[in-house]
PDB file of N, CA and C in Angstrom:
ATOM      1  N   MET A   1    -108.839 -34.823 -31.106  1.00  0.00           N
ATOM      2  CA  MET A   1    -108.020 -34.571 -32.756  1.00  0.00           C
ATOM      3  C   MET A   1    -107.301 -36.483 -32.761  1.00  0.00           C
ATOM      4  N   ARG A   2    -107.425 -37.386 -33.577  1.00  0.00           N
ATOM      5  CA  ARG A   2    -106.710 -38.414 -33.842  1.00  0.00           C
ATOM      6  C   ARG A   2    -105.468 -38.638 -34.234  1.00  0.00           C
ATOM      7  N   ASP A   3    -104.492 -39.548 -33.804  1.00  0.00           N
ATOM      8  CA  ASP A   3    -103.557 -39.556 -34.164  1.00  0.00           C
ATOM      9  C   ASP A   3    -102.532 -39.823 -36.148  1.00  0.00           C
ATOM     10  N   PHE A   4    -103.936 -40.380 -36.241  1.00  0.00           N
ATOM     11  CA  PHE A   4    -103.178 -41.448 -37.607  1.00  0.00           C
ATOM     12  C   PHE A   4    -104.241 -40.597 -38.208  1.00  0.00           C
ATOM     13  N   PHE A   5    -105.064 -39.210 -38.409  1.00  0.00           N
ATOM     14  CA  PHE A   5    -105.367 -38.310 -38.923  1.00  0.00           C
ATOM     15  C   PHE A   5    -103.885 -36.645 -38.704  1.00  0.00           C
ATOM     16  N   THR A   6    -104.052 -36.375 -39.831  1.00  0.00           N
ATOM     17  CA  THR A   6    -103.799 -34.516 -39.808  1.00  0.00           C
ATOM     18  C   THR A   6    -104.424 -33.723 -39.906  1.00  0.00           C
ATOM     19  N   TYR A   7    -104.197 -32.729 -38.958  1.00  0.00           N
ATOM     20  CA  TYR A   7    -105.445 -31.488 -39.380  1.00  0.00           C
ATOM     21  C   TYR A   7    -104.937 -30.800 -39.730  1.00  0.00           C
ATOM     22  N   ARG A   8    -105.574 -29.567 -40.454  1.00  0.00           N
ATOM     23  CA  ARG A   8    -105.200 -28.251 -40.970  1.00  0.00           C
ATOM     24  C   ARG A   8    -105.918 -26.601 -40.196  1.00  0.00           C
ATOM     25  N   ASP A   9    -105.974 -26.419 -39.474  1.00  0.00           N
ATOM     26  CA  ASP A   9    -107.144 -25.317 -39.064  1.00  0.00           C
ATOM     27  C   ASP A   9    -107.028 -24.366 -40.507  1.00  0.00           C
ATOM     28  N   LEU A  10    -108.206 -24.128 -40.749  1.00  0.00           N
ATOM     29  CA  LEU A  10    -108.451 -22.566 -41.917  1.00  0.00           C
ATOM     30  C   LEU A  10    -108.526 -21.793 -41.594  1.00  0.00           C
ATOM     31  N   GLY A  11    -108.507 -21.213 -39.953  1.00  0.00           N
ATOM     32  CA  GLY A  11    -108.831 -20.139 -39.665  1.00  0.00           C
ATOM     33  C   GLY A  11    -110.349 -19.411 -39.050  1.00  0.00           C
ATOM     34  N   ILE A  12    -111.181 -20.514 -39.229  1.00  0.00           N
ATOM     35  CA  ILE A  12    -112.518 -19.793 -38.679  1.00  0.00           C
ATOM     36  C   ILE A  12    -112.830 -19.716 -38.151  1.00  0.00           C
ATOM     37  N   LYS A  13    -111.954 -20.358 -37.191  1.00  0.00           N
ATOM     38  CA  LYS A  13    -112.687 -20.172 -35.632  1.00  0.00           C
ATOM     39  C   LYS A  13    -112.044 -18.660 -35.084  1.00  0.00           C
ATOM     40  N   ASP A  14    -111.139 -18.472 -35.022  1.00  0.00           N
ATOM     41  CA  ASP A  14    -110.984 -16.661 -34.695  1.00  0.00           C
ATOM     42  C   ASP A  14    -111.519 -15.628 -35.879  1.00  0.00           C
ATOM     43  N   ALA A  15    -112.227 -16.367 -36.938  1.00  0.00           N
ATOM     44  CA  ALA A  15    -112.595 -15.282 -37.312  1.00  0.00           C
ATOM     45  C   ALA A  15    -114.280 -15.039 -37.145  1.00  0.00           C
ATOM     46  N   THR A  16    -114.828 -16.592 -36.702  1.00  0.00           N
ATOM     47  CA  THR A  16    -116.332 -16.617 -36.398  1.00  0.00           C
ATOM     48  C   THR A  16    -116.282 -16.577 -34.782  1.00  0.00           C
ATOM     49  N   GLY A  17    -115.089 -15.767 -34.215  1.00  0.00           N
ATOM     50  CA  GLY A  17    -115.539 -15.861 -32.467  1.00  0.00           C
ATOM     51  C   GLY A  17    -115.341 -16.898 -31.921  1.00  0.00           C
ATOM     52  N   GLY A  18    -115.197 -17.980 -32.573  1.00  0.00           N
ATOM     53  CA  GLY A  18    -115.000 -19.125 -31.896  1.00  0.00           C
ATOM     54  C   GLY A  18    -116.801 -20.213 -32.556  1.00  0.00           C
ATOM     55  N   ARG A  19    -117.238 -19.041 -32.963  1.00  0.00           N
ATOM     56  CA  ARG A  19    -119.020 -19.963 -33.224  1.00  0.00           C
ATOM     57  C   ARG A  19    -118.925 -21.351 -34.237  1.00  0.00           C
ATOM     58  N   VAL A  20    -117.416 -21.548 -34.949  1.00  0.00           N
ATOM     59  CA  VAL A  20    -117.790 -22.278 -36.058  1.00  0.00           C
ATOM     60  C   VAL A  20    -116.117 -22.732 -36.225  1.00  0.00           C
ATOM     61  N   ILE A  21    -115.491 -23.964 -36.496  1.00  0.00           N
ATOM     62  CA  ILE A  21    -114.077 -24.475 -37.020  1.00  0.00           C
ATOM     63  C   ILE A  21    -113.933 -25.069 -37.735  1.00  0.00           C
ATOM     64  N   ALA A  22    -113.075 -24.882 -38.880  1.00  0.00           N
ATOM     65  CA  ALA A  22    -113.178 -25.894 -40.351  1.00  0.00           C
ATOM     66  C   ALA A  22    -112.358 -25.831 -40.244  1.00  0.00           C
ATOM     67  N   HIS A  23    -111.429 -27.555 -40.693  1.00  0.00           N
ATOM     68  CA  HIS A  23    -110.039 -28.042 -40.576  1.00  0.00           C
ATOM     69  C   HIS A  23    -110.444 -29.257 -41.745  1.00  0.00           C
ATOM     70  N   LEU A  24    -109.457 -29.325 -42.392  1.00  0.00           N
ATOM     71  CA  LEU A  24    -108.807 -30.124 -43.197  1.00  0.00           C
ATOM     72  C   LEU A  24    -107.692 -31.264 -42.395  1.00  0.00           C
ATOM     73  N   VAL A  25    -109.177 -32.800 -42.678  1.00  0.00           N
ATOM     74  CA  VAL A  25    -108.483 -33.689 -42.521  1.00  0.00           C
ATOM     75  C   VAL A  25    -108.374 -34.258 -43.150  1.00  0.00           C
ATOM     76  N   LYS A  26    -106.660 -35.255 -43.440  1.00  0.00           N
ATOM     77  CA  LYS A  26    -106.522 -35.838 -44.107  1.00  0.00           C
ATOM     78  C   LYS A  26    -105.603 -37.547 -43.215  1.00  0.00           C
ATOM     79  N   ALA A  27    -105.798 -38.508 -43.742  1.00  0.00           N
ATOM     80  CA  ALA A  27    -105.392 -39.844 -43.320  1.00  0.00           C
ATOM     81  C   ALA A  27    -103.346 -39.697 -42.886  1.00  0.00           C
ATOM     82  N   ASN A  28    -103.040 -40.208 -42.334  1.00  0.00           N
ATOM     83  CA  ASN A  28    -102.621 -40.200 -42.291  1.00  0.00           C
ATOM     84  C   ASN A  28    -100.926 -41.480 -41.767  1.00  0.00           C
ATOM     85  N   ALA A  29    -101.888 -42.803 -41.221  1.00  0.00           N
ATOM     86  CA  ALA A  29    -101.720 -44.241 -41.201  1.00  0.00           C
ATOM     87  C   ALA A  29    -102.823 -44.503 -41.376  1.00  0.00           C
ATOM     88  N   THR A  30    -102.343 -46.099 -41.370  1.00  0.00           N
ATOM     89  CA  THR A  30    -103.637 -47.449 -42.539  1.00  0.00           C
ATOM     90  C   THR A  30    -104.712 -47.388 -40.918  1.00  0.00           C
ATOM     91  N   PRO A  31    -105.763 -47.260 -41.591  1.00  0.00           N
ATOM     92  CA  PRO A  31    -106.736 -48.172 -40.371  1.00  0.00           C
ATOM     93  C   PRO A  31    -106.638 -49.212 -39.156  1.00  0.00           C
ATOM     94  N   GLU A  32    -106.135 -49.074 -38.682  1.00  0.00           N
ATOM     95  CA  GLU A  32    -106.097 -49.808 -36.934  1.00  0.00           C
ATOM     96  C   GLU A  32    -107.600 -50.125 -36.513  1.00  0.00           C
ATOM     97  N   GLU A  33    -108.519 -49.461 -35.116  1.00  0.00           N
ATOM     98  CA  GLU A  33    -109.345 -49.223 -34.436  1.00  0.00           C
ATOM     99  C   GLU A  33    -110.196 -48.468 -35.186  1.00  0.00           C
ATOM    100  N   GLY A  34    -110.140 -46.925 -35.749  1.00  0.00           N
ATOM    101  CA  GLY A  34    -110.523 -46.076 -36.258  1.00  0.00           C
ATOM    102  C   GLY A  34    -111.007 -45.526 -34.605  1.00  0.00           C
ATOM    103  N   THR A  35    -111.915 -44.693 -35.220  1.00  0.00           N
ATOM    104  CA  THR A  35    -112.128 -43.465 -33.948  1.00  0.00           C
ATOM    105  C   THR A  35    -112.725 -44.233 -32.815  1.00  0.00           C
ATOM    106  N   GLY A  36    -113.755 -45.621 -33.059  1.00  0.00           N
ATOM    107  CA  GLY A  36    -114.894 -45.582 -31.883  1.00  0.00           C
ATOM    108  C   GLY A  36    -115.750 -45.121 -31.964  1.00  0.00           C
ATOM    109  N   TRP A  37    -116.851 -45.762 -30.904  1.00  0.00           N
ATOM    110  CA  TRP A  37    -118.246 -44.913 -31.169  1.00  0.00           C
ATOM    111  C   TRP A  37    -117.955 -43.364 -30.297  1.00  0.00           C
ATOM    112  N   HIS A  38    -118.381 -42.534 -31.087  1.00  0.00           N
ATOM    113  CA  HIS A  38    -118.494 -41.387 -30.364  1.00  0.00           C
ATOM    114  C   HIS A  38    -119.769 -40.461 -30.566  1.00  0.00           C
ATOM    115  N   ILE A  39    -120.329 -39.702 -30.184  1.00  0.00           N
ATOM    116  CA  ILE A  39    -121.141 -38.414 -30.606  1.00  0.00           C
ATOM    117  C   ILE A  39    -120.544 -37.784 -29.951  1.00  0.00           C
ATOM    118  N   HIS A  40    -120.470 -35.885 -31.344  1.00  0.00           N
ATOM    119  CA  HIS A  40    -120.411 -34.930 -30.464  1.00  0.00           C
ATOM    120  C   HIS A  40    -121.211 -34.023 -29.864  1.00  0.00           C
ATOM    121  N   ILE A  41    -120.358 -32.956 -28.452  1.00  0.00           N
ATOM    122  CA  ILE A  41    -121.593 -32.084 -28.168  1.00  0.00           C
ATOM    123  C   ILE A  41    -121.194 -30.872 -29.498  1.00  0.00           C
ATOM    124  N   ALA A  42    -122.222 -31.143 -30.250  1.00  0.00           N
ATOM    125  CA  ALA A  42    -122.381 -29.702 -31.207  1.00  0.00           C
ATOM    126  C   ALA A  42    -123.894 -29.485 -31.882  1.00  0.00           C
ATOM    127  N   ASP A  43    -124.115 -27.975 -32.164  1.00  0.00           N
ATOM    128  CA  ASP A  43    -124.966 -27.672 -32.700  1.00  0.00           C
ATOM    129  C   ASP A  43    -124.756 -28.304 -34.149  1.00  0.00           C
ATOM    130  N   PHE A  44    -124.014 -28.079 -34.910  1.00  0.00           N
ATOM    131  CA  PHE A  44    -123.749 -28.196 -36.177  1.00  0.00           C
ATOM    132  C   PHE A  44    -122.675 -29.084 -36.824  1.00  0.00           C
ATOM    133  N   GLN A  45    -122.984 -29.549 -37.961  1.00  0.00           N
ATOM    134  CA  GLN A  45    -121.552 -30.540 -38.125  1.00  0.00           C
ATOM    135  C   GLN A  45    -121.650 -31.285 -39.739  1.00  0.00           C
ATOM    136  N   ILE A  46    -120.912 -30.817 -40.890  1.00  0.00           N
ATOM    137  CA  ILE A  46    -120.241 -31.328 -41.827  1.00  0.00           C
ATOM    138  C   ILE A  46    -119.538 -32.190 -42.148  1.00  0.00           C
ATOM    139  N   VAL A  47    -119.423 -33.074 -43.301  1.00  0.00           N
ATOM    140  CA  VAL A  47    -118.173 -33.566 -42.853  1.00  0.00           C
ATOM    141  C   VAL A  47    -118.211 -33.405 -45.313  1.00  0.00           C
ATOM    142  N   TYR A  48    -117.465 -33.286 -45.296  1.00  0.00           N
ATOM    143  CA  TYR A  48    -117.507 -33.094 -47.310  1.00  0.00           C
ATOM    144  C   TYR A  48    -116.213 -33.345 -47.655  1.00  0.00           C
ATOM    145  N   MET A  49    -116.389 -34.901 -48.334  1.00  0.00           N
ATOM    146  CA  MET A  49    -114.901 -35.494 -48.587  1.00  0.00           C
ATOM    147  C   MET A  49    -114.619 -35.105 -49.576  1.00  0.00           C
ATOM    148  N   LEU A  50    -113.139 -34.462 -49.669  1.00  0.00           N
ATOM    149  CA  LEU A  50    -112.824 -33.830 -50.999  1.00  0.00           C
ATOM    150  C   LEU A  50    -111.843 -34.583 -51.692  1.00  0.00           C
ATOM    151  N   LYS A  51    -111.313 -36.590 -51.211  1.00  0.00           N
ATOM    152  CA  LYS A  51    -110.515 -37.376 -51.886  1.00  0.00           C
ATOM    153  C   LYS A  51    -110.928 -38.343 -51.337  1.00  0.00           C
ATOM    154  N   GLY A  52    -110.391 -39.690 -52.285  1.00  0.00           N
ATOM    155  CA  GLY A  52    -110.737 -41.062 -51.223  1.00  0.00           C
ATOM    156  C   GLY A  52    -111.912 -40.959 -51.192  1.00  0.00           C
ATOM    157  N   TRP A  53    -111.866 -42.155 -50.046  1.00  0.00           N
ATOM    158  CA  TRP A  53    -112.977 -42.554 -49.612  1.00  0.00           C
ATOM    159  C   TRP A  53    -112.757 -42.793 -48.001  1.00  0.00           C
ATOM    160  N   ALA A  54    -113.854 -43.007 -46.813  1.00  0.00           N
ATOM    161  CA  ALA A  54    -114.414 -43.668 -45.904  1.00  0.00           C
ATOM    162  C   ALA A  54    -115.592 -44.343 -45.397  1.00  0.00           C
ATOM    163  N   ARG A  55    -115.517 -45.482 -44.700  1.00  0.00           N
ATOM    164  CA  ARG A  55    -116.617 -46.067 -44.325  1.00  0.00           C
ATOM    165  C   ARG A  55    -117.258 -45.739 -43.084  1.00  0.00           C
ATOM    166  N   PHE A  56    -117.936 -44.905 -43.029  1.00  0.00           N
ATOM    167  CA  PHE A  56    -118.391 -44.835 -41.200  1.00  0.00           C
ATOM    168  C   PHE A  56    -119.655 -45.757 -40.842  1.00  0.00           C
ATOM    169  N   MET A  57    -119.564 -46.171 -39.224  1.00  0.00           N
ATOM    170  CA  MET A  57    -121.037 -46.210 -38.934  1.00  0.00           C
ATOM    171  C   MET A  57    -121.407 -45.593 -38.443  1.00  0.00           C
ATOM    172  N   TYR A  58    -123.138 -45.355 -38.623  1.00  0.00           N
ATOM    173  CA  TYR A  58    -123.743 -44.208 -38.475  1.00  0.00           C
ATOM    174  C   TYR A  58    -125.203 -45.144 -37.193  1.00  0.00           C
ATOM    175  N   GLY A  59    -125.436 -45.032 -36.770  1.00  0.00           N
ATOM    176  CA  GLY A  59    -126.221 -46.358 -35.234  1.00  0.00           C
ATOM    177  C   GLY A  59    -125.642 -47.668 -36.348  1.00  0.00           C
ATOM    178  N   ASP A  60    -126.757 -48.154 -36.493  1.00  0.00           N
ATOM    179  CA  ASP A  60    -126.762 -49.876 -37.350  1.00  0.00           C
ATOM    180  C   ASP A  60    -126.504 -49.441 -38.467  1.00  0.00           C
ATOM    181  N   GLN A  61    -125.873 -48.453 -39.184  1.00  0.00           N
ATOM    182  CA  GLN A  61    -125.973 -48.666 -40.438  1.00  0.00           C
ATOM    183  C   GLN A  61    -124.869 -47.937 -41.183  1.00  0.00           C
ATOM    184  N   GLU A  62    -123.972 -49.100 -41.955  1.00  0.00           N
ATOM    185  CA  GLU A  62    -123.021 -48.460 -42.617  1.00  0.00           C
ATOM    186  C   GLU A  62    -122.789 -47.826 -43.731  1.00  0.00           C
ATOM    187  N   ALA A  63    -122.121 -46.783 -43.852  1.00  0.00           N
ATOM    188  CA  ALA A  63    -122.419 -45.399 -45.079  1.00  0.00           C
ATOM    189  C   ALA A  63    -120.895 -45.490 -45.679  1.00  0.00           C
ATOM    190  N   LEU A  64    -120.688 -45.314 -46.917  1.00  0.00           N
ATOM    191  CA  LEU A  64    -119.601 -45.513 -47.077  1.00  0.00           C
ATOM    192  C   LEU A  64    -119.488 -43.755 -48.064  1.00  0.00           C
ATOM    193  N   VAL A  65    -118.985 -42.947 -47.696  1.00  0.00           N
ATOM    194  CA  VAL A  65    -118.513 -41.355 -47.997  1.00  0.00           C
ATOM    195  C   VAL A  65    -117.842 -41.627 -49.260  1.00  0.00           C
ATOM    196  N   SER A  66    -117.550 -40.798 -49.903  1.00  0.00           N
ATOM    197  CA  SER A  66    -116.900 -41.005 -51.717  1.00  0.00           C
ATOM    198  C   SER A  66    -116.413 -39.413 -51.554  1.00  0.00           C
ATOM    199  N   ALA A  67    -115.628 -39.302 -52.566  1.00  0.00           N
ATOM    200  CA  ALA A  67    -114.925 -37.683 -53.075  1.00  0.00           C
ATOM    201  C   ALA A  67    -116.503 -36.443 -53.555  1.00  0.00           C
ATOM    202  N   GLY A  68    -116.475 -35.746 -53.273  1.00  0.00           N
ATOM    203  CA  GLY A  68    -117.723 -34.823 -53.574  1.00  0.00           C
ATOM    204  C   GLY A  68    -119.325 -35.585 -53.004  1.00  0.00           C
ATOM    205  N   ASP A  69    -118.970 -36.079 -51.699  1.00  0.00           N
ATOM    206  CA  ASP A  69    -120.259 -36.700 -51.001  1.00  0.00           C
ATOM    207  C   ASP A  69    -120.063 -35.577 -49.497  1.00  0.00           C
ATOM    208  N   CYS A  70    -121.082 -35.133 -49.513  1.00  0.00           N
ATOM    209  CA  CYS A  70    -120.936 -33.704 -47.934  1.00  0.00           C
ATOM    210  C   CYS A  70    -122.505 -35.129 -46.976  1.00  0.00           C
ATOM    211  N   VAL A  71    -122.150 -34.535 -45.634  1.00  0.00           N
ATOM    212  CA  VAL A  71    -122.848 -35.752 -44.485  1.00  0.00           C
ATOM    213  C   VAL A  71    -123.217 -34.322 -43.458  1.00  0.00           C
ATOM    214  N   HIS A  72    -124.458 -34.477 -43.636  1.00  0.00           N
ATOM    215  CA  HIS A  72    -124.444 -33.083 -42.259  1.00  0.00           C
ATOM    216  C   HIS A  72    -124.644 -34.839 -40.658  1.00  0.00           C
ATOM    217  N   GLN A  73    -123.492 -34.657 -40.200  1.00  0.00           N
ATOM    218  CA  GLN A  73    -124.335 -35.073 -39.100  1.00  0.00           C
ATOM    219  C   GLN A  73    -124.417 -34.341 -37.666  1.00  0.00           C
ATOM    220  N   THR A  74    -126.293 -35.443 -37.521  1.00  0.00           N
ATOM    221  CA  THR A  74    -127.182 -34.101 -36.934  1.00  0.00           C
ATOM    222  C   THR A  74    -126.341 -34.531 -35.278  1.00  0.00           C
ATOM    223  N   PRO A  75    -126.086 -33.344 -34.172  1.00  0.00           N
ATOM    224  CA  PRO A  75    -126.064 -32.983 -33.205  1.00  0.00           C
ATOM    225  C   PRO A  75    -127.121 -34.205 -32.415  1.00  0.00           C
ATOM    226  N   GLY A  76    -125.892 -35.198 -31.926  1.00  0.00           N
ATOM    227  CA  GLY A  76    -125.469 -36.057 -30.820  1.00  0.00           C
ATOM    228  C   GLY A  76    -125.961 -38.086 -31.724  1.00  0.00           C
ATOM    229  N   LEU A  77    -125.388 -37.539 -32.815  1.00  0.00           N
ATOM    230  CA  LEU A  77    -125.683 -39.185 -33.810  1.00  0.00           C
ATOM    231  C   LEU A  77    -124.802 -39.948 -33.376  1.00  0.00           C
ATOM    232  N   ARG A  78    -124.446 -41.004 -32.939  1.00  0.00           N
ATOM    233  CA  ARG A  78    -124.045 -42.481 -32.180  1.00  0.00           C
ATOM    234  C   ARG A  78    -122.984 -42.555 -33.744  1.00  0.00           C
ATOM    235  N   HIS A  79    -121.768 -42.222 -33.926  1.00  0.00           N
ATOM    236  CA  HIS A  79    -120.944 -42.443 -35.215  1.00  0.00           C
ATOM    237  C   HIS A  79    -119.915 -43.160 -35.117  1.00  0.00           C
ATOM    238  N   PHE A  80    -119.126 -44.184 -35.634  1.00  0.00           N
ATOM    239  CA  PHE A  80    -117.718 -44.704 -36.058  1.00  0.00           C
ATOM    240  C   PHE A  80    -117.109 -44.442 -37.320  1.00  0.00           C
ATOM    241  N   LEU A  81    -115.933 -43.568 -37.352  1.00  0.00           N
ATOM    242  CA  LEU A  81    -115.402 -43.661 -38.823  1.00  0.00           C
ATOM    243  C   LEU A  81    -114.353 -45.359 -38.463  1.00  0.00           C
ATOM    244  N   PHE A  82    -114.699 -45.723 -39.429  1.00  0.00           N
ATOM    245  CA  PHE A  82    -113.615 -47.652 -39.793  1.00  0.00           C
ATOM    246  C   PHE A  82    -112.623 -47.775 -40.155  1.00  0.00           C
ATOM    247  N   ASP A  83    -112.905 -47.019 -41.334  1.00  0.00           N
ATOM    248  CA  ASP A  83    -111.872 -47.518 -42.329  1.00  0.00           C
ATOM    249  C   ASP A  83    -111.916 -46.585 -43.270  1.00  0.00           C
ATOM    250  N   TYR A  84    -110.839 -46.248 -44.230  1.00  0.00           N
ATOM    251  CA  TYR A  84    -110.394 -45.243 -45.024  1.00  0.00           C
ATOM    252  C   TYR A  84    -109.448 -45.506 -46.413  1.00  0.00           C
ATOM    253  N   SER A  85    -109.441 -44.782 -46.943  1.00  0.00           N
ATOM    254  CA  SER A  85    -108.454 -44.752 -48.549  1.00  0.00           C
ATOM    255  C   SER A  85    -107.134 -44.256 -47.514  1.00  0.00           C
ATOM    256  N   PRO A  86    -106.033 -44.370 -48.434  1.00  0.00           N
ATOM    257  CA  PRO A  86    -104.402 -43.223 -47.919  1.00  0.00           C
ATOM    258  C   PRO A  86    -104.783 -42.123 -48.306  1.00  0.00           C
ATOM    259  N   ASP A  87    -105.691 -41.545 -49.431  1.00  0.00           N
ATOM    260  CA  ASP A  87    -105.521 -40.307 -50.073  1.00  0.00           C
ATOM    261  C   ASP A  87    -106.853 -39.975 -49.136  1.00  0.00           C
ATOM    262  N   MET A  88    -107.321 -40.253 -48.391  1.00  0.00           N
ATOM    263  CA  MET A  88    -108.613 -39.423 -47.518  1.00  0.00           C
ATOM    264  C   MET A  88    -108.561 -38.292 -47.568  1.00  0.00           C
ATOM    265  N   GLU A  89    -109.317 -37.471 -47.621  1.00  0.00           N
ATOM    266  CA  GLU A  89    -109.143 -36.083 -47.513  1.00  0.00           C
ATOM    267  C   GLU A  89    -110.863 -35.157 -47.435  1.00  0.00           C
ATOM    268  N   TYR A  90    -111.085 -34.913 -46.070  1.00  0.00           N
ATOM    269  CA  TYR A  90    -112.427 -33.925 -46.006  1.00  0.00           C
ATOM    270  C   TYR A  90    -112.076 -32.941 -45.007  1.00  0.00           C
ATOM    271  N   LEU A  91    -112.770 -31.942 -45.915  1.00  0.00           N
ATOM    272  CA  LEU A  91    -113.436 -30.696 -44.685  1.00  0.00           C
ATOM    273  C   LEU A  91    -114.680 -30.944 -44.340  1.00  0.00           C
ATOM    274  N   GLU A  92    -113.946 -30.227 -43.154  1.00  0.00           N
ATOM    275  CA  GLU A  92    -115.306 -31.009 -41.666  1.00  0.00           C
ATOM    276  C   GLU A  92    -115.384 -29.713 -41.038  1.00  0.00           C
ATOM    277  N   VAL A  93    -116.395 -29.137 -40.838  1.00  0.00           N
ATOM    278  CA  VAL A  93    -117.006 -27.318 -40.432  1.00  0.00           C
ATOM    279  C   VAL A  93    -118.169 -27.861 -39.154  1.00  0.00           C
ATOM    280  N   VAL A  94    -117.377 -26.716 -37.628  1.00  0.00           N
ATOM    281  CA  VAL A  94    -118.523 -27.683 -37.199  1.00  0.00           C
ATOM    282  C   VAL A  94    -118.137 -26.357 -36.206  1.00  0.00           C
ATOM    283  N   GLY A  95    -119.901 -26.009 -35.251  1.00  0.00           N
ATOM    284  CA  GLY A  95    -120.148 -24.831 -34.788  1.00  0.00           C
ATOM    285  C   GLY A  95    -121.006 -25.758 -33.484  1.00  0.00           C
ATOM    286  N   PRO A  96    -120.689 -25.091 -32.016  1.00  0.00           N
ATOM    287  CA  PRO A  96    -119.206 -24.239 -31.692  1.00  0.00           C
ATOM    288  C   PRO A  96    -118.167 -24.967 -32.366  1.00  0.00           C
ATOM    289  N   ALA A  97    -116.489 -24.012 -32.104  1.00  0.00           N
ATOM    290  CA  ALA A  97    -115.595 -24.431 -32.327  1.00  0.00           C
ATOM    291  C   ALA A  97    -115.745 -25.420 -30.661  1.00  0.00           C
ATOM    292  N   ASN A  98    -115.115 -24.903 -29.825  1.00  0.00           N
ATOM    293  CA  ASN A  98    -115.052 -25.814 -28.804  1.00  0.00           C
ATOM    294  C   ASN A  98    -115.632 -26.897 -28.732  1.00  0.00           C
ATOM    295  N   PHE A  99    -116.228 -27.467 -29.708  1.00  0.00           N
ATOM    296  CA  PHE A  99    -116.794 -28.897 -29.632  1.00  0.00           C
ATOM    297  C   PHE A  99    -116.265 -30.289 -28.965  1.00  0.00           C
ATOM    298  N   ALA A 100    -116.900 -30.685 -28.008  1.00  0.00           N
ATOM    299  CA  ALA A 100    -116.300 -32.268 -27.755  1.00  0.00           C
ATOM    300  C   ALA A 100    -116.987 -33.506 -28.363  1.00  0.00           C
ATOM    301  N   SER A 101    -116.296 -34.582 -27.477  1.00  0.00           N
ATOM    302  CA  SER A 101    -116.471 -35.955 -28.243  1.00  0.00           C
ATOM    303  C   SER A 101    -116.650 -36.661 -27.106  1.00  0.00           C
ATOM    304  N   VAL A 102    -117.718 -37.607 -27.043  1.00  0.00           N
ATOM    305  CA  VAL A 102    -117.958 -38.290 -26.181  1.00  0.00           C
ATOM    306  C   VAL A 102    -117.774 -39.946 -26.576  1.00  0.00           C
ATOM    307  N   GLU A 103    -117.372 -40.621 -26.351  1.00  0.00           N
ATOM    308  CA  GLU A 103    -117.582 -42.345 -26.282  1.00  0.00           C
ATOM    309  C   GLU A 103    -118.147 -42.524 -25.737  1.00  0.00           C
ATOM    310  N   VAL A 104    -119.199 -43.372 -26.980  1.00  0.00           N
ATOM    311  CA  VAL A 104    -120.175 -44.200 -26.035  1.00  0.00           C
ATOM    312  C   VAL A 104    -120.269 -45.625 -26.485  1.00  0.00           C
ATOM    313  N   ASP A 105    -121.328 -46.244 -25.996  1.00  0.00           N
ATOM    314  CA  ASP A 105    -121.213 -47.460 -26.454  1.00  0.00           C
ATOM    315  C   ASP A 105    -121.898 -47.635 -27.746  1.00  0.00           C
ATOM    316  N   GLY A 106    -121.661 -48.423 -29.124  1.00  0.00           N
ATOM    317  CA  GLY A 106    -122.339 -48.583 -30.092  1.00  0.00           C
ATOM    318  C   GLY A 106    -123.171 -49.830 -29.976  1.00  0.00           C
ATOM    319  N   PRO A 107    -124.512 -49.364 -30.913  1.00  0.00           N
ATOM    320  CA  PRO A 107    -125.368 -50.507 -31.315  1.00  0.00           C
ATOM    321  C   PRO A 107    -125.255 -51.755 -31.766  1.00  0.00           C
ATOM    322  N   CYS A 108    -124.113 -52.568 -32.152  1.00  0.00           N
ATOM    323  CA  CYS A 108    -124.077 -53.088 -32.864  1.00  0.00           C
ATOM    324  C   CYS A 108    -121.902 -53.428 -33.072  1.00  0.00           C
ATOM    325  N   ALA A 109    -122.095 -54.216 -34.222  1.00  0.00           N
ATOM    326  CA  ALA A 109    -120.129 -53.979 -34.337  1.00  0.00           C
ATOM    327  C   ALA A 109    -120.107 -53.647 -35.434  1.00  0.00           C
ATOM    328  N   VAL A 110    -118.682 -53.490 -35.456  1.00  0.00           N
ATOM    329  CA  VAL A 110    -118.050 -52.976 -37.070  1.00  0.00           C
ATOM    330  C   VAL A 110    -117.251 -53.220 -37.816  1.00  0.00           C
ATOM    331  N   PRO A 111    -117.639 -53.500 -38.765  1.00  0.00           N
ATOM    332  CA  PRO A 111    -117.068 -54.385 -39.768  1.00  0.00           C
ATOM    333  C   PRO A 111    -115.102 -53.940 -39.729  1.00  0.00           C
ATOM    334  N   LYS A 112    -114.641 -55.014 -40.207  1.00  0.00           N
ATOM    335  CA  LYS A 112    -112.843 -55.016 -39.526  1.00  0.00           C
ATOM    336  C   LYS A 112    -112.727 -53.383 -41.323  1.00  0.00           C
ATOM    337  N   PRO A 113    -111.281 -53.197 -40.540  1.00  0.00           N
ATOM    338  CA  PRO A 113    -110.985 -51.810 -42.048  1.00  0.00           C
ATOM    339  C   PRO A 113    -109.708 -52.618 -42.780  1.00  0.00           C
ATOM    340  N   HIS A 114    -110.055 -52.204 -44.053  1.00  0.00           N
ATOM    341  CA  HIS A 114    -108.923 -52.714 -44.789  1.00  0.00           C
ATOM    342  C   HIS A 114    -107.582 -52.258 -45.160  1.00  0.00           C
ATOM    343  N   HIS A 115    -106.526 -52.577 -44.114  1.00  0.00           N
ATOM    344  CA  HIS A 115    -105.284 -52.794 -44.262  1.00  0.00           C
ATOM    345  C   HIS A 115    -104.948 -52.228 -45.399  1.00  0.00           C
ATOM    346  N   TRP A 116    -104.120 -50.907 -45.433  1.00  0.00           N
ATOM    347  CA  TRP A 116    -102.934 -50.790 -46.348  1.00  0.00           C
ATOM    348  C   TRP A 116    -101.933 -51.748 -46.767  1.00  0.00           C
ATOM    349  N   LYS A 117    -102.072 -51.569 -48.239  1.00  0.00           N
ATOM    350  CA  LYS A 117    -100.673 -52.257 -49.107  1.00  0.00           C
ATOM    351  C   LYS A 117     -99.280 -51.575 -48.812  1.00  0.00           C
TER     352      LYS A 117
END
């Protein structure tokens, strides 16, 4: 969990016996350094952007994920969320519920985030 985001657990972990977790993620502080390069030890993960936008690096490719976009982050995908709007809110669904995030080296430099006014 990142301190620059707030998380709301939707109760899916208990309902599925730990097979899946679903939570709402909201921005609560201006982007400074982002998430850093990492992978998730998980079998399945999607991010569905509900409001605003976020900029990710997926490997050496930059991606803008805007409201209404859904991204399937494949197992072991090296990524970095480095910029987002003040109103950013997304639904994240991951299986299993007790997935892990592991810091990894990045394949390239990451653009600087835009600071909120």
